[in-house]
Amino acid sequence: MRGVFALLGIGFMAVYFSVYVQANSLMLMLAIYFIGIAFIVIDGKVLNDGTLATIGVVCMLLSVALPAPNFVAGTYAVLGVLFGTAGSFLFLKVFKRRDMWSKITLKDRLTDEAGYNSMNEGYRLLVGKEAMTLTDLRPVGTIRIDNKDYSAVSNGQWVEKNTRVVVVEVDGTKILVEKINATQ
């Protein structure tokens, strides 16, 4: 809803400026208005002391009041901006932020520090151990280490059954093995 009201506000300002401002001073009034907005943003993001924000508000009110045909219309325009601003703040307080994105996405990361670990702790101890292939590894198959069977993968090679291999790397539950050469 905030986006809808922002578009309505921009539309009202566009109508106001197009009706009351003559063509030769339209750019000047819009420049003063957007300079005021820029001062407010700069003060909020960089300085945070309120000086530029106050100057920005004055610039915005002047850009609305100056093009009015008479003093009463200018006063009403300024009051309209002030009441619109107050209404915006009231709207922000009544309708709280809903954080829909956080409801459909994961915020938590499954890290070791948080106690999550996809690796079986016993698998870390397998690195460097020798094994015997129980099936052909093409490239996935079964190996036996210390009378326990594991699923393993070779590095893209075909390894025949009953071949000695060594565990090179463990990533999660993936066990990477290489064939032991006869020279070793």
N, C-alpha and C. Protein backbone atom coordinates (compact mmCIF):
# COMPACT_ATOMS: atom_id res chain seq x y z
N MET A 1 0.82 -1.20 0.00
CA MET A 1 0.00 0.00 0.00
C MET A 1 0.86 1.26 0.00
N ARG A 2 2.07 1.17 0.57
CA ARG A 2 2.92 2.37 0.61
C ARG A 2 3.24 2.83 -0.80
N GLY A 3 3.49 1.90 -1.69
CA GLY A 3 3.81 2.26 -3.07
C GLY A 3 2.64 2.94 -3.75
N VAL A 4 1.42 2.48 -3.46
CA VAL A 4 0.23 3.10 -4.06
C VAL A 4 0.10 4.55 -3.59
N PHE A 5 0.28 4.77 -2.29
CA PHE A 5 0.16 6.13 -1.78
C PHE A 5 1.31 7.02 -2.25
N ALA A 6 2.48 6.46 -2.45
CA ALA A 6 3.59 7.24 -3.01
C ALA A 6 3.27 7.67 -4.43
N LEU A 7 2.71 6.76 -5.22
CA LEU A 7 2.32 7.11 -6.58
C LEU A 7 1.20 8.16 -6.59
N LEU A 8 0.26 8.04 -5.66
CA LEU A 8 -0.80 9.06 -5.56
C LEU A 8 -0.21 10.43 -5.23
N GLY A 9 0.73 10.47 -4.30
CA GLY A 9 1.37 11.73 -3.93
C GLY A 9 2.11 12.35 -5.08
N ILE A 10 2.85 11.52 -5.82
CA ILE A 10 3.56 12.04 -6.99
C ILE A 10 2.57 12.53 -8.04
N GLY A 11 1.48 11.82 -8.20
CA GLY A 11 0.45 12.26 -9.15
C GLY A 11 -0.18 13.58 -8.75
N PHE A 12 -0.50 13.74 -7.46
CA PHE A 12 -1.07 15.01 -6.99
C PHE A 12 -0.10 16.16 -7.19
N MET A 13 1.18 15.92 -6.91
CA MET A 13 2.18 16.98 -7.11
C MET A 13 2.29 17.32 -8.59
N ALA A 14 2.25 16.32 -9.45
CA ALA A 14 2.34 16.57 -10.89
C ALA A 14 1.15 17.39 -11.38
N VAL A 15 -0.04 17.04 -10.91
CA VAL A 15 -1.23 17.82 -11.30
C VAL A 15 -1.14 19.24 -10.78
N TYR A 16 -0.72 19.40 -9.53
CA TYR A 16 -0.61 20.73 -8.94
C TYR A 16 0.36 21.60 -9.73
N PHE A 17 1.55 21.05 -10.00
CA PHE A 17 2.55 21.84 -10.72
C PHE A 17 2.12 22.13 -12.15
N SER A 18 1.42 21.20 -12.80
CA SER A 18 1.01 21.43 -14.19
C SER A 18 -0.11 22.45 -14.28
N VAL A 19 -0.93 22.59 -13.24
CA VAL A 19 -2.04 23.54 -13.28
C VAL A 19 -1.59 24.95 -12.90
N TYR A 20 -0.81 25.08 -11.83
CA TYR A 20 -0.49 26.40 -11.31
C TYR A 20 0.81 27.02 -11.83
N VAL A 21 1.70 26.21 -12.29
CA VAL A 21 3.00 26.76 -12.67
C VAL A 21 3.01 27.04 -14.17
N GLN A 22 3.47 28.25 -14.52
CA GLN A 22 3.61 28.58 -15.93
C GLN A 22 4.79 27.79 -16.50
N ALA A 23 4.80 27.63 -17.80
CA ALA A 23 5.80 26.78 -18.45
C ALA A 23 7.22 27.28 -18.21
N ASN A 24 7.41 28.60 -18.12
CA ASN A 24 8.77 29.12 -17.97
C ASN A 24 9.32 28.92 -16.56
N SER A 25 8.47 28.76 -15.56
CA SER A 25 8.98 28.57 -14.19
C SER A 25 8.76 27.15 -13.65
N LEU A 26 8.21 26.27 -14.48
CA LEU A 26 7.95 24.90 -14.04
C LEU A 26 9.25 24.19 -13.64
N MET A 27 10.26 24.30 -14.47
CA MET A 27 11.52 23.62 -14.17
C MET A 27 12.17 24.17 -12.90
N LEU A 28 12.05 25.48 -12.69
CA LEU A 28 12.62 26.09 -11.49
C LEU A 28 11.92 25.55 -10.24
N MET A 29 10.60 25.48 -10.25
CA MET A 29 9.85 24.99 -9.10
C MET A 29 10.13 23.51 -8.84
N LEU A 30 10.18 22.72 -9.91
CA LEU A 30 10.50 21.31 -9.73
C LEU A 30 11.92 21.12 -9.22
N ALA A 31 12.84 21.95 -9.70
CA ALA A 31 14.22 21.86 -9.22
C ALA A 31 14.29 22.19 -7.73
N ILE A 32 13.60 23.24 -7.30
CA ILE A 32 13.59 23.59 -5.88
C ILE A 32 12.97 22.45 -5.06
N TYR A 33 11.89 21.88 -5.57
CA TYR A 33 11.22 20.78 -4.87
C TYR A 33 12.16 19.58 -4.71
N PHE A 34 12.81 19.16 -5.80
CA PHE A 34 13.68 17.98 -5.72
C PHE A 34 14.98 18.26 -4.98
N ILE A 35 15.43 19.51 -4.99
CA ILE A 35 16.58 19.88 -4.16
C ILE A 35 16.20 19.73 -2.68
N GLY A 36 14.98 20.11 -2.35
CA GLY A 36 14.50 19.93 -0.98
C GLY A 36 14.48 18.46 -0.59
N ILE A 37 13.99 17.61 -1.49
CA ILE A 37 13.98 16.17 -1.20
C ILE A 37 15.41 15.65 -1.05
N ALA A 38 16.30 16.11 -1.91
CA ALA A 38 17.70 15.68 -1.83
C ALA A 38 18.33 16.10 -0.49
N PHE A 39 18.03 17.33 -0.04
CA PHE A 39 18.57 17.78 1.25
C PHE A 39 18.07 16.90 2.39
N ILE A 40 16.82 16.51 2.34
CA ILE A 40 16.26 15.65 3.39
C ILE A 40 16.94 14.29 3.38
N VAL A 41 17.13 13.72 2.20
CA VAL A 41 17.77 12.41 2.10
C VAL A 41 19.23 12.48 2.55
N ILE A 42 19.95 13.53 2.12
CA ILE A 42 21.36 13.67 2.52
C ILE A 42 21.46 13.83 4.03
N ASP A 43 20.57 14.62 4.61
CA ASP A 43 20.62 14.80 6.06
C ASP A 43 20.31 13.49 6.79
N GLY A 44 19.37 12.73 6.27
CA GLY A 44 19.02 11.47 6.92
C GLY A 44 20.08 10.40 6.78
N LYS A 45 20.81 10.39 5.66
CA LYS A 45 21.78 9.33 5.41
C LYS A 45 23.20 9.71 5.85
N VAL A 46 23.55 11.01 5.82
CA VAL A 46 24.94 11.39 6.07
C VAL A 46 25.10 12.17 7.37
N LEU A 47 24.41 13.30 7.47
CA LEU A 47 24.67 14.22 8.58
C LEU A 47 23.91 13.88 9.86
N ASN A 48 22.63 13.66 9.74
CA ASN A 48 21.77 13.31 10.88
C ASN A 48 21.69 14.39 11.95
N ASP A 49 21.81 15.65 11.57
CA ASP A 49 21.65 16.70 12.58
C ASP A 49 20.39 17.54 12.36
N GLY A 50 19.72 17.39 11.24
CA GLY A 50 18.46 18.08 11.00
C GLY A 50 18.57 19.40 10.27
N THR A 51 19.77 19.92 10.09
CA THR A 51 19.93 21.22 9.44
C THR A 51 19.51 21.17 7.98
N LEU A 52 20.09 20.25 7.24
CA LEU A 52 19.73 20.14 5.82
C LEU A 52 18.29 19.69 5.64
N ALA A 53 17.79 18.88 6.54
CA ALA A 53 16.40 18.44 6.44
C ALA A 53 15.45 19.62 6.60
N THR A 54 15.75 20.52 7.52
CA THR A 54 14.92 21.71 7.71
C THR A 54 14.95 22.59 6.47
N ILE A 55 16.14 22.78 5.91
CA ILE A 55 16.25 23.57 4.68
C ILE A 55 15.49 22.87 3.55
N GLY A 56 15.56 21.55 3.49
CA GLY A 56 14.84 20.80 2.48
C GLY A 56 13.34 20.95 2.60
N VAL A 57 12.83 20.91 3.82
CA VAL A 57 11.38 21.09 4.03
C VAL A 57 10.96 22.49 3.61
N VAL A 58 11.75 23.49 3.96
CA VAL A 58 11.44 24.87 3.56
C VAL A 58 11.45 24.99 2.04
N CYS A 59 12.44 24.38 1.38
CA CYS A 59 12.49 24.41 -0.09
C CYS A 59 11.25 23.76 -0.70
N MET A 60 10.84 22.63 -0.15
CA MET A 60 9.67 21.95 -0.69
C MET A 60 8.41 22.79 -0.50
N LEU A 61 8.27 23.40 0.68
CA LEU A 61 7.09 24.23 0.92
C LEU A 61 7.10 25.48 0.05
N LEU A 62 8.27 26.08 -0.15
CA LEU A 62 8.36 27.25 -1.04
C LEU A 62 8.01 26.88 -2.48
N SER A 63 8.48 25.71 -2.92
CA SER A 63 8.18 25.32 -4.30
C SER A 63 6.70 25.05 -4.51
N VAL A 64 5.99 24.75 -3.44
CA VAL A 64 4.54 24.55 -3.54
C VAL A 64 3.80 25.87 -3.39
N ALA A 65 4.30 26.75 -2.53
CA ALA A 65 3.59 28.00 -2.24
C ALA A 65 3.80 29.06 -3.33
N LEU A 66 4.99 29.16 -3.88
CA LEU A 66 5.29 30.24 -4.83
C LEU A 66 4.46 30.23 -6.11
N PRO A 67 4.17 29.10 -6.71
CA PRO A 67 3.41 29.16 -7.96
C PRO A 67 1.90 29.40 -7.79
N ALA A 68 1.40 29.45 -6.57
CA ALA A 68 -0.03 29.65 -6.34
C ALA A 68 -0.45 31.03 -6.85
N PRO A 69 -1.69 31.17 -7.35
CA PRO A 69 -2.12 32.46 -7.92
C PRO A 69 -2.30 33.56 -6.87
N ASN A 70 -2.58 33.19 -5.63
CA ASN A 70 -2.71 34.21 -4.59
C ASN A 70 -2.26 33.62 -3.24
N PHE A 71 -2.27 34.46 -2.21
CA PHE A 71 -1.78 34.05 -0.91
C PHE A 71 -2.62 32.94 -0.30
N VAL A 72 -3.93 33.02 -0.45
CA VAL A 72 -4.82 32.01 0.14
C VAL A 72 -4.58 30.64 -0.51
N ALA A 73 -4.46 30.61 -1.82
CA ALA A 73 -4.22 29.35 -2.52
C ALA A 73 -2.85 28.78 -2.12
N GLY A 74 -1.85 29.63 -1.95
CA GLY A 74 -0.54 29.20 -1.51
C GLY A 74 -0.57 28.61 -0.11
N THR A 75 -1.36 29.27 0.77
CA THR A 75 -1.50 28.77 2.15
C THR A 75 -2.18 27.41 2.16
N TYR A 76 -3.22 27.27 1.35
CA TYR A 76 -3.91 25.98 1.26
C TYR A 76 -2.98 24.90 0.70
N ALA A 77 -2.16 25.25 -0.26
CA ALA A 77 -1.22 24.28 -0.84
C ALA A 77 -0.22 23.81 0.21
N VAL A 78 0.32 24.77 0.99
CA VAL A 78 1.28 24.42 2.03
C VAL A 78 0.61 23.58 3.11
N LEU A 79 -0.60 23.95 3.51
CA LEU A 79 -1.34 23.16 4.49
C LEU A 79 -1.63 21.76 3.96
N GLY A 80 -1.94 21.66 2.68
CA GLY A 80 -2.18 20.35 2.07
C GLY A 80 -0.95 19.47 2.15
N VAL A 81 0.23 20.06 1.89
CA VAL A 81 1.47 19.29 1.99
C VAL A 81 1.71 18.86 3.44
N LEU A 82 1.50 19.79 4.38
CA LEU A 82 1.73 19.46 5.79
C LEU A 82 0.76 18.39 6.28
N PHE A 83 -0.52 18.51 5.93
CA PHE A 83 -1.49 17.50 6.34
C PHE A 83 -1.22 16.16 5.64
N GLY A 84 -0.80 16.21 4.39
CA GLY A 84 -0.45 14.98 3.67
C GLY A 84 0.73 14.28 4.32
N THR A 85 1.72 15.06 4.77
CA THR A 85 2.87 14.48 5.45
C THR A 85 2.46 13.86 6.78
N ALA A 86 1.62 14.58 7.52
CA ALA A 86 1.14 14.04 8.80
C ALA A 86 0.32 12.77 8.56
N GLY A 87 -0.50 12.78 7.52
CA GLY A 87 -1.27 11.59 7.19
C GLY A 87 -0.38 10.41 6.80
N SER A 88 0.71 10.71 6.11
CA SER A 88 1.65 9.64 5.74
C SER A 88 2.27 9.01 6.97
N PHE A 89 2.70 9.85 7.92
CA PHE A 89 3.28 9.30 9.14
C PHE A 89 2.25 8.51 9.94
N LEU A 90 1.01 8.99 9.97
CA LEU A 90 -0.05 8.26 10.65
C LEU A 90 -0.28 6.92 9.96
N PHE A 91 -0.28 6.92 8.64
CA PHE A 91 -0.46 5.68 7.89
C PHE A 91 0.66 4.69 8.20
N LEU A 92 1.90 5.18 8.32
CA LEU A 92 3.02 4.30 8.63
C LEU A 92 2.91 3.71 10.03
N LYS A 93 2.33 4.45 10.96
CA LYS A 93 2.18 3.94 12.32
C LYS A 93 1.02 2.96 12.43
N VAL A 94 -0.06 3.21 11.70
CA VAL A 94 -1.24 2.35 11.79
C VAL A 94 -0.97 1.01 11.10
N PHE A 95 -0.39 1.06 9.90
CA PHE A 95 -0.11 -0.16 9.15
C PHE A 95 1.36 -0.48 9.28
N LYS A 96 1.66 -1.41 10.16
CA LYS A 96 3.04 -1.78 10.45
C LYS A 96 3.67 -2.51 9.26
N ARG A 97 4.98 -2.50 9.23
CA ARG A 97 5.72 -3.20 8.18
C ARG A 97 5.50 -4.70 8.35
N ARG A 98 5.23 -5.38 7.22
CA ARG A 98 4.86 -6.79 7.31
C ARG A 98 5.99 -7.75 6.98
N ASP A 99 7.04 -7.32 6.38
CA ASP A 99 8.19 -8.17 6.05
C ASP A 99 7.78 -9.45 5.34
N MET A 100 7.07 -9.30 4.24
CA MET A 100 6.63 -10.47 3.48
C MET A 100 7.81 -11.25 2.91
N TRP A 101 8.88 -10.56 2.52
CA TRP A 101 10.02 -11.25 1.93
C TRP A 101 10.66 -12.21 2.93
N SER A 102 10.73 -11.80 4.19
CA SER A 102 11.36 -12.67 5.19
C SER A 102 10.50 -13.88 5.50
N LYS A 103 9.22 -13.83 5.19
CA LYS A 103 8.35 -14.97 5.44
C LYS A 103 8.49 -16.04 4.36
N ILE A 104 8.98 -15.66 3.18
CA ILE A 104 9.09 -16.64 2.10
C ILE A 104 10.54 -17.00 1.79
N THR A 105 11.48 -16.43 2.51
CA THR A 105 12.89 -16.77 2.29
C THR A 105 13.51 -17.25 3.60
N LEU A 106 14.61 -17.94 3.46
CA LEU A 106 15.32 -18.42 4.63
C LEU A 106 16.29 -17.35 5.11
N LYS A 107 16.23 -17.04 6.39
CA LYS A 107 17.16 -16.08 6.98
C LYS A 107 18.35 -16.79 7.62
N ASP A 108 18.08 -17.95 8.17
CA ASP A 108 19.12 -18.67 8.88
C ASP A 108 20.01 -19.42 7.90
N ARG A 109 21.30 -19.44 8.22
CA ARG A 109 22.23 -20.21 7.43
C ARG A 109 22.58 -21.46 8.20
N LEU A 110 22.67 -22.55 7.49
CA LEU A 110 22.97 -23.83 8.12
C LEU A 110 24.49 -24.00 8.16
N THR A 111 25.11 -23.41 9.17
CA THR A 111 26.57 -23.41 9.28
C THR A 111 27.02 -24.34 10.39
N ASP A 112 28.33 -24.65 10.36
CA ASP A 112 28.90 -25.47 11.42
C ASP A 112 28.77 -24.78 12.77
N GLU A 113 28.92 -23.44 12.78
CA GLU A 113 28.84 -22.69 14.03
C GLU A 113 27.45 -22.78 14.65
N ALA A 114 26.44 -22.89 13.81
CA ALA A 114 25.07 -22.99 14.31
C ALA A 114 24.70 -24.43 14.68
N GLY A 115 25.64 -25.35 14.49
CA GLY A 115 25.38 -26.73 14.88
C GLY A 115 24.89 -27.61 13.75
N TYR A 116 24.85 -27.07 12.53
CA TYR A 116 24.41 -27.85 11.39
C TYR A 116 25.63 -28.37 10.65
N ASN A 117 25.59 -29.63 10.27
CA ASN A 117 26.71 -30.20 9.55
C ASN A 117 26.19 -31.36 8.73
N SER A 118 26.37 -31.28 7.42
CA SER A 118 25.90 -32.36 6.57
C SER A 118 26.89 -33.52 6.55
N MET A 119 28.09 -33.28 7.06
CA MET A 119 29.11 -34.33 7.03
C MET A 119 28.97 -35.22 8.25
N ASN A 120 28.92 -36.50 7.98
CA ASN A 120 28.98 -37.47 9.06
C ASN A 120 30.37 -37.37 9.66
N GLU A 121 30.48 -37.17 10.96
CA GLU A 121 31.78 -36.96 11.60
C GLU A 121 32.74 -38.11 11.34
N GLY A 122 32.21 -39.30 11.22
CA GLY A 122 33.07 -40.44 10.95
C GLY A 122 33.68 -40.39 9.56
N TYR A 123 33.05 -39.68 8.64
CA TYR A 123 33.55 -39.58 7.27
C TYR A 123 34.86 -38.79 7.21
N ARG A 124 35.05 -37.84 8.09
CA ARG A 124 36.29 -37.06 8.08
C ARG A 124 37.50 -37.95 8.34
N LEU A 125 37.30 -38.97 9.12
CA LEU A 125 38.40 -39.86 9.46
C LEU A 125 38.78 -40.80 8.32
N LEU A 126 37.97 -40.85 7.27
CA LEU A 126 38.23 -41.77 6.16
C LEU A 126 39.31 -41.25 5.20
N VAL A 127 39.57 -39.96 5.23
CA VAL A 127 40.54 -39.39 4.29
C VAL A 127 41.90 -40.03 4.52
N GLY A 128 42.48 -40.55 3.42
CA GLY A 128 43.78 -41.19 3.48
C GLY A 128 43.72 -42.70 3.70
N LYS A 129 42.56 -43.24 4.00
CA LYS A 129 42.44 -44.69 4.25
C LYS A 129 42.33 -45.44 2.93
N GLU A 130 42.83 -46.65 2.96
CA GLU A 130 42.72 -47.53 1.79
C GLU A 130 41.42 -48.31 1.87
N ALA A 131 40.89 -48.64 0.69
CA ALA A 131 39.62 -49.36 0.62
C ALA A 131 39.68 -50.34 -0.55
N MET A 132 38.69 -51.22 -0.60
CA MET A 132 38.55 -52.17 -1.68
C MET A 132 37.19 -51.92 -2.33
N THR A 133 37.16 -51.90 -3.65
CA THR A 133 35.89 -51.68 -4.34
C THR A 133 35.08 -52.97 -4.33
N LEU A 134 33.82 -52.86 -3.96
CA LEU A 134 32.92 -54.02 -3.96
C LEU A 134 32.16 -54.12 -5.27
N THR A 135 31.99 -52.98 -5.94
CA THR A 135 31.34 -52.94 -7.25
C THR A 135 32.23 -52.11 -8.17
N ASP A 136 31.93 -52.16 -9.45
CA ASP A 136 32.64 -51.28 -10.37
C ASP A 136 32.26 -49.84 -10.04
N LEU A 137 33.26 -48.97 -10.02
CA LEU A 137 33.00 -47.53 -9.86
C LEU A 137 32.93 -46.94 -11.26
N ARG A 138 31.75 -46.52 -11.68
CA ARG A 138 31.58 -46.00 -13.03
C ARG A 138 30.80 -44.71 -13.05
N PRO A 139 31.18 -43.69 -12.51
CA PRO A 139 32.20 -43.47 -11.51
C PRO A 139 31.70 -43.68 -10.09
N VAL A 140 30.42 -44.04 -9.90
CA VAL A 140 29.88 -44.24 -8.55
C VAL A 140 29.76 -45.73 -8.28
N GLY A 141 30.06 -46.11 -7.06
CA GLY A 141 29.94 -47.51 -6.68
C GLY A 141 30.10 -47.67 -5.19
N THR A 142 30.36 -48.90 -4.75
CA THR A 142 30.47 -49.20 -3.32
C THR A 142 31.89 -49.64 -3.00
N ILE A 143 32.38 -49.13 -1.86
CA ILE A 143 33.70 -49.53 -1.38
C ILE A 143 33.57 -50.07 0.04
N ARG A 144 34.61 -50.77 0.50
CA ARG A 144 34.61 -51.30 1.87
C ARG A 144 35.89 -50.80 2.55
N ILE A 145 35.67 -50.16 3.72
CA ILE A 145 36.78 -49.70 4.56
C ILE A 145 36.53 -50.27 5.95
N ASP A 146 37.49 -51.02 6.47
CA ASP A 146 37.40 -51.60 7.81
C ASP A 146 36.08 -52.34 8.02
N ASN A 147 35.73 -53.19 7.09
CA ASN A 147 34.51 -54.01 7.13
C ASN A 147 33.23 -53.19 7.17
N LYS A 148 33.27 -51.97 6.63
CA LYS A 148 32.09 -51.13 6.56
C LYS A 148 31.95 -50.64 5.13
N ASP A 149 30.72 -50.71 4.59
CA ASP A 149 30.49 -50.35 3.19
C ASP A 149 30.08 -48.88 3.07
N TYR A 150 30.61 -48.23 2.04
CA TYR A 150 30.32 -46.82 1.76
C TYR A 150 30.06 -46.64 0.27
N SER A 151 29.26 -45.65 -0.05
CA SER A 151 29.10 -45.25 -1.43
C SER A 151 30.21 -44.26 -1.75
N ALA A 152 30.86 -44.46 -2.88
CA ALA A 152 31.99 -43.59 -3.22
C ALA A 152 31.92 -43.24 -4.69
N VAL A 153 32.72 -42.25 -5.06
CA VAL A 153 32.79 -41.80 -6.44
C VAL A 153 34.26 -41.68 -6.82
N SER A 154 34.56 -42.13 -8.04
CA SER A 154 35.93 -41.94 -8.54
C SER A 154 35.95 -40.62 -9.30
N ASN A 155 37.13 -40.18 -9.63
CA ASN A 155 37.28 -38.88 -10.28
C ASN A 155 37.01 -39.01 -11.78
N GLY A 156 35.85 -39.50 -12.14
CA GLY A 156 35.46 -39.64 -13.53
C GLY A 156 36.07 -40.87 -14.20
N GLN A 157 36.72 -41.73 -13.46
CA GLN A 157 37.37 -42.91 -14.02
C GLN A 157 36.54 -44.14 -13.74
N TRP A 158 36.71 -45.12 -14.61
CA TRP A 158 36.11 -46.43 -14.38
C TRP A 158 37.09 -47.24 -13.55
N VAL A 159 36.64 -47.67 -12.38
CA VAL A 159 37.48 -48.48 -11.51
C VAL A 159 36.78 -49.83 -11.35
N GLU A 160 37.50 -50.89 -11.67
CA GLU A 160 36.89 -52.22 -11.65
C GLU A 160 36.71 -52.73 -10.22
N LYS A 161 35.84 -53.72 -10.11
CA LYS A 161 35.58 -54.38 -8.84
C LYS A 161 36.86 -55.04 -8.32
N ASN A 162 37.00 -55.10 -6.97
CA ASN A 162 38.16 -55.71 -6.30
C ASN A 162 39.47 -54.97 -6.61
N THR A 163 39.39 -53.65 -6.69
CA THR A 163 40.58 -52.82 -6.91
C THR A 163 40.84 -52.03 -5.64
N ARG A 164 42.14 -51.89 -5.30
CA ARG A 164 42.48 -51.10 -4.12
C ARG A 164 42.43 -49.61 -4.48
N VAL A 165 41.76 -48.84 -3.61
CA VAL A 165 41.63 -47.38 -3.80
C VAL A 165 41.97 -46.70 -2.48
N VAL A 166 42.20 -45.40 -2.56
CA VAL A 166 42.46 -44.60 -1.37
C VAL A 166 41.46 -43.43 -1.36
N VAL A 167 40.99 -43.08 -0.17
CA VAL A 167 40.05 -41.96 -0.04
C VAL A 167 40.86 -40.67 -0.10
N VAL A 168 40.55 -39.83 -1.07
CA VAL A 168 41.29 -38.60 -1.31
C VAL A 168 40.60 -37.41 -0.64
N GLU A 169 39.29 -37.40 -0.69
CA GLU A 169 38.55 -36.22 -0.19
C GLU A 169 37.17 -36.65 0.26
N VAL A 170 36.66 -35.96 1.28
CA VAL A 170 35.30 -36.17 1.74
C VAL A 170 34.61 -34.82 1.78
N ASP A 171 33.47 -34.72 1.07
CA ASP A 171 32.71 -33.48 1.03
C ASP A 171 31.27 -33.82 1.40
N GLY A 172 30.88 -33.50 2.62
CA GLY A 172 29.55 -33.90 3.09
C GLY A 172 29.53 -35.41 3.25
N THR A 173 28.69 -36.07 2.45
CA THR A 173 28.67 -37.53 2.48
C THR A 173 29.24 -38.10 1.19
N LYS A 174 29.85 -37.26 0.38
CA LYS A 174 30.46 -37.71 -0.88
C LYS A 174 31.91 -38.10 -0.59
N ILE A 175 32.25 -39.33 -0.91
CA ILE A 175 33.61 -39.85 -0.70
C ILE A 175 34.27 -39.97 -2.07
N LEU A 176 35.35 -39.23 -2.27
CA LEU A 176 36.09 -39.27 -3.53
C LEU A 176 37.29 -40.18 -3.35
N VAL A 177 37.42 -41.15 -4.26
CA VAL A 177 38.53 -42.12 -4.17
C VAL A 177 39.34 -42.10 -5.45
N GLU A 178 40.59 -42.55 -5.33
CA GLU A 178 41.47 -42.73 -6.49
C GLU A 178 42.07 -44.13 -6.43
N LYS A 179 42.36 -44.66 -7.60
CA LYS A 179 42.97 -45.97 -7.71
C LYS A 179 44.40 -45.91 -7.20
N ILE A 180 44.80 -46.93 -6.45
CA ILE A 180 46.18 -47.03 -5.99
C ILE A 180 46.98 -47.72 -7.08
N ASN A 181 48.04 -47.05 -7.52
CA ASN A 181 48.88 -47.64 -8.58
C ASN A 181 49.66 -48.81 -8.02
N ALA A 182 50.08 -49.71 -8.88
CA ALA A 182 50.85 -50.88 -8.47
C ALA A 182 52.23 -50.47 -7.96
N THR A 183 52.68 -49.26 -8.32
CA THR A 183 54.00 -48.81 -7.88
C THR A 183 53.99 -48.31 -6.45
N GLN A 184 52.84 -48.03 -5.89
CA GLN A 184 52.76 -47.49 -4.53
C GLN A 184 52.89 -48.56 -3.50
